[in-house]
Amino acid sequence: MKSAVEEMDMEAETAPAPEAALQPGWRVRDTLWAAFPYTIPVMTGYLFMGMAFGILLETRGYGPAWAGLMSVLIYAGSMQFVAVNVLAEAFAPLAAFFLTLMVNARHVFYGFSLLDKYRGLGRIKPYLVFALTDETFSLLCSIPPPAGLNRGAFYLAVSALNHSYWITGCVTGALLGASLSFDVQGLDFVMTALFVAIFVEQWRSPRNRRPGLAGLAATALCLAIIGPRHFILPAMALLIAGLSVSRRALEKGDAA
């Protein structure tokens, strides 16, 4: 009769090894080709949105190098549009910090759902966390890695392709803005228009309108009390606090 120690040793030898973040010899070309078709819708959106940002940034006196640097290091579409106005105003690092935190706070909520997917991905995990955008999150949640491809490599390919589209769009827009004459009136409203369109589309679905109503209520309250110049940060803080407190009730409403 085998001892308990011997049985444990045999189980350890026969147990499958955990998947490496990037297995040696992972097929870069095959992985990129497998990921690319899924990212085409993101590419079309990122190129045009990035070009709008690049043109707007160039009109404020910041050239293509700045557009490329911001898209590489910040990589947050809504915050980059906000940053154009932040750069044009008086230096206020604390306000910029809290504004960035509030604008991108949604990443905290949907980032939790990727903890299991990103578990054990080693050295590529920090970049995957950094490159997590709304669109990348949607793709990674809805698309299983193709059979025969390394899981971490597929996630990396999707994230890196989307990031490259945004960088390309931003730099191209800045180059066009530097070489051509554009009427940029209203261009800074493009991100606001995008969120309005998303809100309207979500509102058309009657399944759960409470988050939208909460956002409208928080915004109207802070606008009435604080005024139009400084209401954004308090409104977003109030909205995040309200959604956090009522999270379980909202999830039950979605399930119903």
C-alpha atoms as a PDB file:
ATOM      1  CA  MET A   1       0.000   0.000   0.000  1.00  0.00           C
ATOM      2  CA  LYS A   2       1.388   3.356  -1.032  1.00  0.00           C
ATOM      3  CA  SER A   3       1.918   5.955   1.644  1.00  0.00           C
ATOM      4  CA  ALA A   4       0.064   9.261   1.553  1.00  0.00           C
ATOM      5  CA  VAL A   5       3.294  11.066   0.659  1.00  0.00           C
ATOM      6  CA  GLU A   6       3.920   8.776  -2.322  1.00  0.00           C
ATOM      7  CA  GLU A   7       0.349   9.299  -3.571  1.00  0.00           C
ATOM      8  CA  MET A   8       0.754  13.073  -3.308  1.00  0.00           C
ATOM      9  CA  ASP A   9       4.014  12.910  -5.270  1.00  0.00           C
ATOM     10  CA  MET A  10       2.342  10.888  -8.033  1.00  0.00           C
ATOM     11  CA  GLU A  11      -0.558  13.340  -8.232  1.00  0.00           C
ATOM     12  CA  ALA A  12       1.847  16.259  -8.483  1.00  0.00           C
ATOM     13  CA  GLU A  13       3.702  14.560 -11.325  1.00  0.00           C
ATOM     14  CA  THR A  14       0.541  13.758 -13.301  1.00  0.00           C
ATOM     15  CA  ALA A  15      -1.283  17.072 -12.667  1.00  0.00           C
ATOM     16  CA  PRO A  16      -1.247  19.451 -15.649  1.00  0.00           C
ATOM     17  CA  ALA A  17       1.118  22.355 -15.330  1.00  0.00           C
ATOM     18  CA  PRO A  18      -0.503  25.793 -15.056  1.00  0.00           C
ATOM     19  CA  GLU A  19      -0.654  27.689 -18.339  1.00  0.00           C
ATOM     20  CA  ALA A  20       2.209  30.091 -18.779  1.00  0.00           C
ATOM     21  CA  ALA A  21       1.496  33.718 -19.546  1.00  0.00           C
ATOM     22  CA  LEU A  22       3.332  33.416 -22.836  1.00  0.00           C
ATOM     23  CA  GLN A  23       4.410  29.904 -23.711  1.00  0.00           C
ATOM     24  CA  PRO A  24       7.814  29.553 -25.387  1.00  0.00           C
ATOM     25  CA  GLY A  25       7.432  29.749 -29.132  1.00  0.00           C
ATOM     26  CA  TRP A  26       3.917  31.160 -29.084  1.00  0.00           C
ATOM     27  CA  ARG A  27       2.808  31.900 -32.614  1.00  0.00           C
ATOM     28  CA  VAL A  28       2.812  35.693 -32.890  1.00  0.00           C
ATOM     29  CA  ARG A  29       1.552  35.851 -36.462  1.00  0.00           C
ATOM     30  CA  ASP A  30      -1.214  33.283 -35.950  1.00  0.00           C
ATOM     31  CA  THR A  31      -2.336  34.977 -32.741  1.00  0.00           C
ATOM     32  CA  LEU A  32      -2.491  38.431 -34.329  1.00  0.00           C
ATOM     33  CA  TRP A  33      -4.419  37.117 -37.336  1.00  0.00           C
ATOM     34  CA  ALA A  34      -6.847  35.349 -35.019  1.00  0.00           C
ATOM     35  CA  ALA A  35      -7.425  38.506 -32.954  1.00  0.00           C
ATOM     36  CA  PHE A  36      -7.548  41.024 -35.813  1.00  0.00           C
ATOM     37  CA  PRO A  37     -11.058  40.268 -37.210  1.00  0.00           C
ATOM     38  CA  TYR A  38     -12.615  40.791 -33.790  1.00  0.00           C
ATOM     39  CA  THR A  39     -10.945  44.193 -33.435  1.00  0.00           C
ATOM     40  CA  ILE A  40     -12.056  45.653 -36.787  1.00  0.00           C
ATOM     41  CA  PRO A  41     -15.111  47.471 -35.322  1.00  0.00           C
ATOM     42  CA  VAL A  42     -12.862  48.938 -32.633  1.00  0.00           C
ATOM     43  CA  MET A  43     -10.353  49.981 -35.276  1.00  0.00           C
ATOM     44  CA  THR A  44     -12.915  52.010 -37.218  1.00  0.00           C
ATOM     45  CA  GLY A  45     -14.084  53.801 -34.101  1.00  0.00           C
ATOM     46  CA  TYR A  46     -10.632  54.416 -32.645  1.00  0.00           C
ATOM     47  CA  LEU A  47      -9.179  55.763 -35.874  1.00  0.00           C
ATOM     48  CA  PHE A  48     -11.878  58.394 -36.314  1.00  0.00           C
ATOM     49  CA  MET A  49     -12.134  59.304 -32.640  1.00  0.00           C
ATOM     50  CA  GLY A  50      -8.360  59.449 -32.379  1.00  0.00           C
ATOM     51  CA  MET A  51      -8.131  61.701 -35.425  1.00  0.00           C
ATOM     52  CA  ALA A  52     -10.656  64.069 -33.866  1.00  0.00           C
ATOM     53  CA  PHE A  53      -8.548  64.206 -30.723  1.00  0.00           C
ATOM     54  CA  GLY A  54      -5.315  64.739 -32.669  1.00  0.00           C
ATOM     55  CA  ILE A  55      -6.792  67.608 -34.689  1.00  0.00           C
ATOM     56  CA  LEU A  56      -8.205  69.232 -31.561  1.00  0.00           C
ATOM     57  CA  LEU A  57      -4.916  68.880 -29.701  1.00  0.00           C
ATOM     58  CA  GLU A  58      -2.969  70.415 -32.587  1.00  0.00           C
ATOM     59  CA  THR A  59      -5.266  73.448 -32.614  1.00  0.00           C
ATOM     60  CA  ARG A  60      -4.236  74.054 -28.992  1.00  0.00           C
ATOM     61  CA  GLY A  61      -0.597  74.238 -30.039  1.00  0.00           C
ATOM     62  CA  TYR A  62       0.490  70.668 -29.260  1.00  0.00           C
ATOM     63  CA  GLY A  63       1.982  68.796 -32.217  1.00  0.00           C
ATOM     64  CA  PRO A  64       1.980  65.154 -33.343  1.00  0.00           C
ATOM     65  CA  ALA A  65       4.665  64.179 -30.815  1.00  0.00           C
ATOM     66  CA  TRP A  66       2.376  65.211 -27.978  1.00  0.00           C
ATOM     67  CA  ALA A  67      -0.530  63.339 -29.538  1.00  0.00           C
ATOM     68  CA  GLY A  68       1.560  60.188 -29.788  1.00  0.00           C
ATOM     69  CA  LEU A  69       2.936  60.533 -26.257  1.00  0.00           C
ATOM     70  CA  MET A  70      -0.487  61.069 -24.723  1.00  0.00           C
ATOM     71  CA  SER A  71      -2.064  58.186 -26.624  1.00  0.00           C
ATOM     72  CA  VAL A  72       0.771  55.864 -25.576  1.00  0.00           C
ATOM     73  CA  LEU A  73       0.912  56.841 -21.893  1.00  0.00           C
ATOM     74  CA  ILE A  74      -2.667  57.919 -21.113  1.00  0.00           C
ATOM     75  CA  TYR A  75      -4.701  55.803 -23.553  1.00  0.00           C
ATOM     76  CA  ALA A  76      -8.069  56.991 -22.299  1.00  0.00           C
ATOM     77  CA  GLY A  77     -10.234  58.571 -24.973  1.00  0.00           C
ATOM     78  CA  SER A  78     -12.583  60.565 -22.770  1.00  0.00           C
ATOM     79  CA  MET A  79      -9.797  61.730 -20.457  1.00  0.00           C
ATOM     80  CA  GLN A  80      -7.578  62.743 -23.359  1.00  0.00           C
ATOM     81  CA  PHE A  81     -10.315  65.007 -24.688  1.00  0.00           C
ATOM     82  CA  VAL A  82     -10.709  66.464 -21.201  1.00  0.00           C
ATOM     83  CA  ALA A  83      -6.924  66.850 -20.954  1.00  0.00           C
ATOM     84  CA  VAL A  84      -6.940  69.213 -23.941  1.00  0.00           C
ATOM     85  CA  ASN A  85      -8.822  71.764 -21.839  1.00  0.00           C
ATOM     86  CA  VAL A  86      -6.800  70.920 -18.721  1.00  0.00           C
ATOM     87  CA  LEU A  87      -3.588  71.768 -20.584  1.00  0.00           C
ATOM     88  CA  ALA A  88      -5.044  75.078 -21.713  1.00  0.00           C
ATOM     89  CA  GLU A  89      -6.017  76.150 -18.178  1.00  0.00           C
ATOM     90  CA  ALA A  90      -3.987  77.166 -15.141  1.00  0.00           C
ATOM     91  CA  PHE A  91      -1.797  74.430 -13.607  1.00  0.00           C
ATOM     92  CA  ALA A  92      -3.909  72.554 -11.035  1.00  0.00           C
ATOM     93  CA  PRO A  93      -2.476  69.052 -10.514  1.00  0.00           C
ATOM     94  CA  LEU A  94      -4.811  68.086  -7.658  1.00  0.00           C
ATOM     95  CA  ALA A  95      -7.929  68.956  -9.640  1.00  0.00           C
ATOM     96  CA  ALA A  96      -6.548  67.117 -12.682  1.00  0.00           C
ATOM     97  CA  PHE A  97      -5.850  64.053 -10.541  1.00  0.00           C
ATOM     98  CA  PHE A  98      -9.368  63.866  -9.122  1.00  0.00           C
ATOM     99  CA  LEU A  99     -10.916  64.609 -12.498  1.00  0.00           C
ATOM    100  CA  THR A 100      -8.955  61.738 -14.049  1.00  0.00           C
ATOM    101  CA  LEU A 101      -9.935  59.455 -11.183  1.00  0.00           C
ATOM    102  CA  MET A 102     -13.620  60.220 -11.582  1.00  0.00           C
ATOM    103  CA  VAL A 103     -13.692  60.061 -15.374  1.00  0.00           C
ATOM    104  CA  ASN A 104     -12.028  56.642 -15.376  1.00  0.00           C
ATOM    105  CA  ALA A 105     -13.606  55.245 -12.203  1.00  0.00           C
ATOM    106  CA  ARG A 106     -15.766  52.890 -14.283  1.00  0.00           C
ATOM    107  CA  HIS A 107     -12.647  50.809 -14.955  1.00  0.00           C
ATOM    108  CA  VAL A 108     -12.629  49.797 -11.299  1.00  0.00           C
ATOM    109  CA  PHE A 109     -16.089  48.252 -11.578  1.00  0.00           C
ATOM    110  CA  TYR A 110     -15.615  46.165 -14.706  1.00  0.00           C
ATOM    111  CA  GLY A 111     -11.980  45.396 -13.912  1.00  0.00           C
ATOM    112  CA  PHE A 112     -13.088  43.102 -11.094  1.00  0.00           C
ATOM    113  CA  SER A 113     -14.808  40.803 -13.583  1.00  0.00           C
ATOM    114  CA  LEU A 114     -11.482  40.140 -15.322  1.00  0.00           C
ATOM    115  CA  LEU A 115      -9.593  38.984 -12.239  1.00  0.00           C
ATOM    116  CA  ASP A 116     -10.043  35.317 -13.164  1.00  0.00           C
ATOM    117  CA  LYS A 117      -9.240  35.857 -16.848  1.00  0.00           C
ATOM    118  CA  TYR A 118      -6.009  37.687 -16.014  1.00  0.00           C
ATOM    119  CA  ARG A 119      -4.955  35.315 -13.255  1.00  0.00           C
ATOM    120  CA  GLY A 120      -1.562  33.729 -13.795  1.00  0.00           C
ATOM    121  CA  LEU A 121      -0.596  35.842 -16.826  1.00  0.00           C
ATOM    122  CA  GLY A 122       2.718  36.912 -15.334  1.00  0.00           C
ATOM    123  CA  ARG A 123       4.723  39.723 -16.859  1.00  0.00           C
ATOM    124  CA  ILE A 124       2.103  40.721 -19.436  1.00  0.00           C
ATOM    125  CA  LYS A 125      -0.589  41.336 -16.815  1.00  0.00           C
ATOM    126  CA  PRO A 126       0.438  44.973 -16.028  1.00  0.00           C
ATOM    127  CA  TYR A 127       0.094  45.944 -19.688  1.00  0.00           C
ATOM    128  CA  LEU A 128      -3.251  44.138 -19.986  1.00  0.00           C
ATOM    129  CA  VAL A 129      -4.518  46.103 -16.990  1.00  0.00           C
ATOM    130  CA  PHE A 130      -3.215  49.380 -18.438  1.00  0.00           C
ATOM    131  CA  ALA A 131      -4.688  48.689 -21.891  1.00  0.00           C
ATOM    132  CA  LEU A 132      -8.152  47.829 -20.581  1.00  0.00           C
ATOM    133  CA  THR A 133     -10.661  50.115 -22.291  1.00  0.00           C
ATOM    134  CA  ASP A 134     -14.422  49.831 -22.640  1.00  0.00           C
ATOM    135  CA  GLU A 135     -14.125  48.247 -26.085  1.00  0.00           C
ATOM    136  CA  THR A 136     -11.297  45.880 -25.127  1.00  0.00           C
ATOM    137  CA  PHE A 137     -13.268  44.789 -22.076  1.00  0.00           C
ATOM    138  CA  SER A 138     -16.274  43.989 -24.266  1.00  0.00           C
ATOM    139  CA  LEU A 139     -14.172  41.885 -26.628  1.00  0.00           C
ATOM    140  CA  LEU A 140     -12.356  39.956 -23.911  1.00  0.00           C
ATOM    141  CA  CYS A 141     -15.626  39.162 -22.135  1.00  0.00           C
ATOM    142  CA  SER A 142     -17.460  38.004 -25.243  1.00  0.00           C
ATOM    143  CA  ILE A 143     -14.756  36.176 -27.233  1.00  0.00           C
ATOM    144  CA  PRO A 144     -13.139  32.950 -25.994  1.00  0.00           C
ATOM    145  CA  PRO A 145      -9.510  32.436 -27.052  1.00  0.00           C
ATOM    146  CA  PRO A 146      -9.405  30.285 -30.203  1.00  0.00           C
ATOM    147  CA  ALA A 147      -8.473  26.653 -29.737  1.00  0.00           C
ATOM    148  CA  GLY A 148      -4.765  25.980 -30.024  1.00  0.00           C
ATOM    149  CA  LEU A 149      -3.703  29.529 -29.114  1.00  0.00           C
ATOM    150  CA  ASN A 150      -2.218  30.650 -25.842  1.00  0.00           C
ATOM    151  CA  ARG A 151      -4.792  32.453 -23.717  1.00  0.00           C
ATOM    152  CA  GLY A 152      -2.482  35.223 -22.522  1.00  0.00           C
ATOM    153  CA  ALA A 153      -1.100  35.775 -26.010  1.00  0.00           C
ATOM    154  CA  PHE A 154      -4.623  36.207 -27.419  1.00  0.00           C
ATOM    155  CA  TYR A 155      -5.552  38.737 -24.730  1.00  0.00           C
ATOM    156  CA  LEU A 156      -2.305  40.572 -25.395  1.00  0.00           C
ATOM    157  CA  ALA A 157      -2.949  40.642 -29.150  1.00  0.00           C
ATOM    158  CA  VAL A 158      -6.457  42.091 -28.743  1.00  0.00           C
ATOM    159  CA  SER A 159      -5.253  44.737 -26.285  1.00  0.00           C
ATOM    160  CA  ALA A 160      -2.184  45.717 -28.296  1.00  0.00           C
ATOM    161  CA  LEU A 161      -4.084  45.942 -31.596  1.00  0.00           C
ATOM    162  CA  ASN A 162      -6.707  48.227 -30.072  1.00  0.00           C
ATOM    163  CA  HIS A 163      -3.983  50.362 -28.510  1.00  0.00           C
ATOM    164  CA  SER A 164      -2.184  50.640 -31.848  1.00  0.00           C
ATOM    165  CA  TYR A 165      -5.383  51.824 -33.564  1.00  0.00           C
ATOM    166  CA  TRP A 166      -5.801  54.612 -31.023  1.00  0.00           C
ATOM    167  CA  ILE A 167      -2.175  55.729 -31.335  1.00  0.00           C
ATOM    168  CA  THR A 168      -2.430  55.713 -35.133  1.00  0.00           C
ATOM    169  CA  GLY A 169      -5.631  57.754 -35.117  1.00  0.00           C
ATOM    170  CA  CYS A 170      -4.291  60.355 -32.670  1.00  0.00           C
ATOM    171  CA  VAL A 171      -1.001  60.890 -34.497  1.00  0.00           C
ATOM    172  CA  THR A 172      -2.713  60.960 -37.909  1.00  0.00           C
ATOM    173  CA  GLY A 173      -5.171  63.571 -36.692  1.00  0.00           C
ATOM    174  CA  ALA A 174      -2.386  65.750 -35.331  1.00  0.00           C
ATOM    175  CA  LEU A 175      -0.481  65.477 -38.623  1.00  0.00           C
ATOM    176  CA  LEU A 176      -3.580  66.415 -40.594  1.00  0.00           C
ATOM    177  CA  GLY A 177      -4.268  69.316 -38.266  1.00  0.00           C
ATOM    178  CA  ALA A 178      -0.722  70.597 -38.722  1.00  0.00           C
ATOM    179  CA  SER A 179      -0.792  70.388 -42.517  1.00  0.00           C
ATOM    180  CA  LEU A 180      -4.410  71.238 -43.372  1.00  0.00           C
ATOM    181  CA  SER A 181      -6.791  73.968 -42.340  1.00  0.00           C
ATOM    182  CA  PHE A 182      -9.836  72.750 -40.415  1.00  0.00           C
ATOM    183  CA  ASP A 183     -12.839  74.449 -38.936  1.00  0.00           C
ATOM    184  CA  VAL A 184     -12.709  72.827 -35.500  1.00  0.00           C
ATOM    185  CA  GLN A 185     -15.739  74.582 -34.073  1.00  0.00           C
ATOM    186  CA  GLY A 186     -17.693  71.977 -32.139  1.00  0.00           C
ATOM    187  CA  LEU A 187     -14.973  69.343 -32.443  1.00  0.00           C
ATOM    188  CA  ASP A 188     -14.413  69.335 -28.689  1.00  0.00           C
ATOM    189  CA  PHE A 189     -18.036  68.168 -28.346  1.00  0.00           C
ATOM    190  CA  VAL A 190     -17.342  64.875 -30.126  1.00  0.00           C
ATOM    191  CA  MET A 191     -16.775  62.859 -26.935  1.00  0.00           C
ATOM    192  CA  THR A 192     -19.834  64.394 -25.300  1.00  0.00           C
ATOM    193  CA  ALA A 193     -21.868  63.504 -28.387  1.00  0.00           C
ATOM    194  CA  LEU A 194     -20.578  59.920 -28.179  1.00  0.00           C
ATOM    195  CA  PHE A 195     -21.696  59.540 -24.582  1.00  0.00           C
ATOM    196  CA  VAL A 196     -25.065  61.112 -25.381  1.00  0.00           C
ATOM    197  CA  ALA A 197     -25.539  58.560 -28.172  1.00  0.00           C
ATOM    198  CA  ILE A 198     -24.580  55.728 -25.801  1.00  0.00           C
ATOM    199  CA  PHE A 199     -26.992  57.051 -23.183  1.00  0.00           C
ATOM    200  CA  VAL A 200     -29.853  57.316 -25.684  1.00  0.00           C
ATOM    201  CA  GLU A 201     -29.195  53.783 -26.939  1.00  0.00           C
ATOM    202  CA  GLN A 202     -29.170  52.457 -23.375  1.00  0.00           C
ATOM    203  CA  TRP A 203     -32.311  54.415 -22.530  1.00  0.00           C
ATOM    204  CA  ARG A 204     -34.184  52.810 -25.416  1.00  0.00           C
ATOM    205  CA  SER A 205     -33.823  49.484 -23.622  1.00  0.00           C
ATOM    206  CA  PRO A 206     -36.414  49.502 -20.810  1.00  0.00           C
ATOM    207  CA  ARG A 207     -34.742  46.673 -18.895  1.00  0.00           C
ATOM    208  CA  ASN A 208     -33.014  48.903 -16.346  1.00  0.00           C
ATOM    209  CA  ARG A 209     -32.984  52.678 -16.608  1.00  0.00           C
ATOM    210  CA  ARG A 210     -32.096  53.385 -13.000  1.00  0.00           C
ATOM    211  CA  PRO A 211     -28.355  54.016 -13.588  1.00  0.00           C
ATOM    212  CA  GLY A 212     -29.198  56.609 -16.234  1.00  0.00           C
ATOM    213  CA  LEU A 213     -31.742  58.271 -13.961  1.00  0.00           C
ATOM    214  CA  ALA A 214     -29.200  58.278 -11.131  1.00  0.00           C
ATOM    215  CA  GLY A 215     -26.678  60.008 -13.375  1.00  0.00           C
ATOM    216  CA  LEU A 216     -29.172  62.656 -14.429  1.00  0.00           C
ATOM    217  CA  ALA A 217     -30.265  63.266 -10.832  1.00  0.00           C
ATOM    218  CA  ALA A 218     -26.708  63.568  -9.493  1.00  0.00           C
ATOM    219  CA  THR A 219     -25.729  65.922 -12.307  1.00  0.00           C
ATOM    220  CA  ALA A 220     -28.797  68.146 -11.921  1.00  0.00           C
ATOM    221  CA  LEU A 221     -28.385  68.342  -8.145  1.00  0.00           C
ATOM    222  CA  CYS A 222     -24.714  69.310  -8.255  1.00  0.00           C
ATOM    223  CA  LEU A 223     -25.300  71.732 -11.114  1.00  0.00           C
ATOM    224  CA  ALA A 224     -28.027  73.503  -9.129  1.00  0.00           C
ATOM    225  CA  ILE A 225     -25.998  73.668  -5.910  1.00  0.00           C
ATOM    226  CA  ILE A 226     -22.439  74.242  -7.145  1.00  0.00           C
ATOM    227  CA  GLY A 227     -22.911  75.863 -10.529  1.00  0.00           C
ATOM    228  CA  PRO A 228     -21.683  75.042 -14.030  1.00  0.00           C
ATOM    229  CA  ARG A 229     -17.981  75.652 -13.433  1.00  0.00           C
ATOM    230  CA  HIS A 230     -17.197  73.074 -10.734  1.00  0.00           C
ATOM    231  CA  PHE A 231     -20.088  70.607 -10.720  1.00  0.00           C
ATOM    232  CA  ILE A 232     -18.481  67.729 -12.664  1.00  0.00           C
ATOM    233  CA  LEU A 233     -16.277  66.231  -9.945  1.00  0.00           C
ATOM    234  CA  PRO A 234     -18.920  66.318  -7.178  1.00  0.00           C
ATOM    235  CA  ALA A 235     -21.546  64.921  -9.568  1.00  0.00           C
ATOM    236  CA  MET A 236     -19.336  61.985 -10.589  1.00  0.00           C
ATOM    237  CA  ALA A 237     -18.355  61.312  -6.968  1.00  0.00           C
ATOM    238  CA  LEU A 238     -22.016  61.317  -5.938  1.00  0.00           C
ATOM    239  CA  LEU A 239     -22.942  59.032  -8.834  1.00  0.00           C
ATOM    240  CA  ILE A 240     -20.166  56.533  -8.066  1.00  0.00           C
ATOM    241  CA  ALA A 241     -21.112  56.459  -4.393  1.00  0.00           C
ATOM    242  CA  GLY A 242     -24.783  55.957  -5.253  1.00  0.00           C
ATOM    243  CA  LEU A 243     -24.114  53.144  -7.720  1.00  0.00           C
ATOM    244  CA  SER A 244     -21.753  51.437  -5.262  1.00  0.00           C
ATOM    245  CA  VAL A 245     -24.347  51.490  -2.486  1.00  0.00           C
ATOM    246  CA  SER A 246     -27.166  50.260  -4.740  1.00  0.00           C
ATOM    247  CA  ARG A 247     -25.088  47.739  -6.676  1.00  0.00           C
ATOM    248  CA  ARG A 248     -26.954  44.657  -5.462  1.00  0.00           C
ATOM    249  CA  ALA A 249     -30.354  46.194  -6.164  1.00  0.00           C
ATOM    250  CA  LEU A 250     -29.253  47.124  -9.689  1.00  0.00           C
ATOM    251  CA  GLU A 251     -27.929  43.603 -10.320  1.00  0.00           C
ATOM    252  CA  LYS A 252     -31.260  42.148  -9.214  1.00  0.00           C
ATOM    253  CA  GLY A 253     -33.019  44.520 -11.605  1.00  0.00           C
ATOM    254  CA  ASP A 254     -30.797  43.307 -14.468  1.00  0.00           C
ATOM    255  CA  ALA A 255     -31.520  39.681 -13.585  1.00  0.00           C
ATOM    256  CA  ALA A 256     -35.256  40.338 -13.488  1.00  0.00           C
END
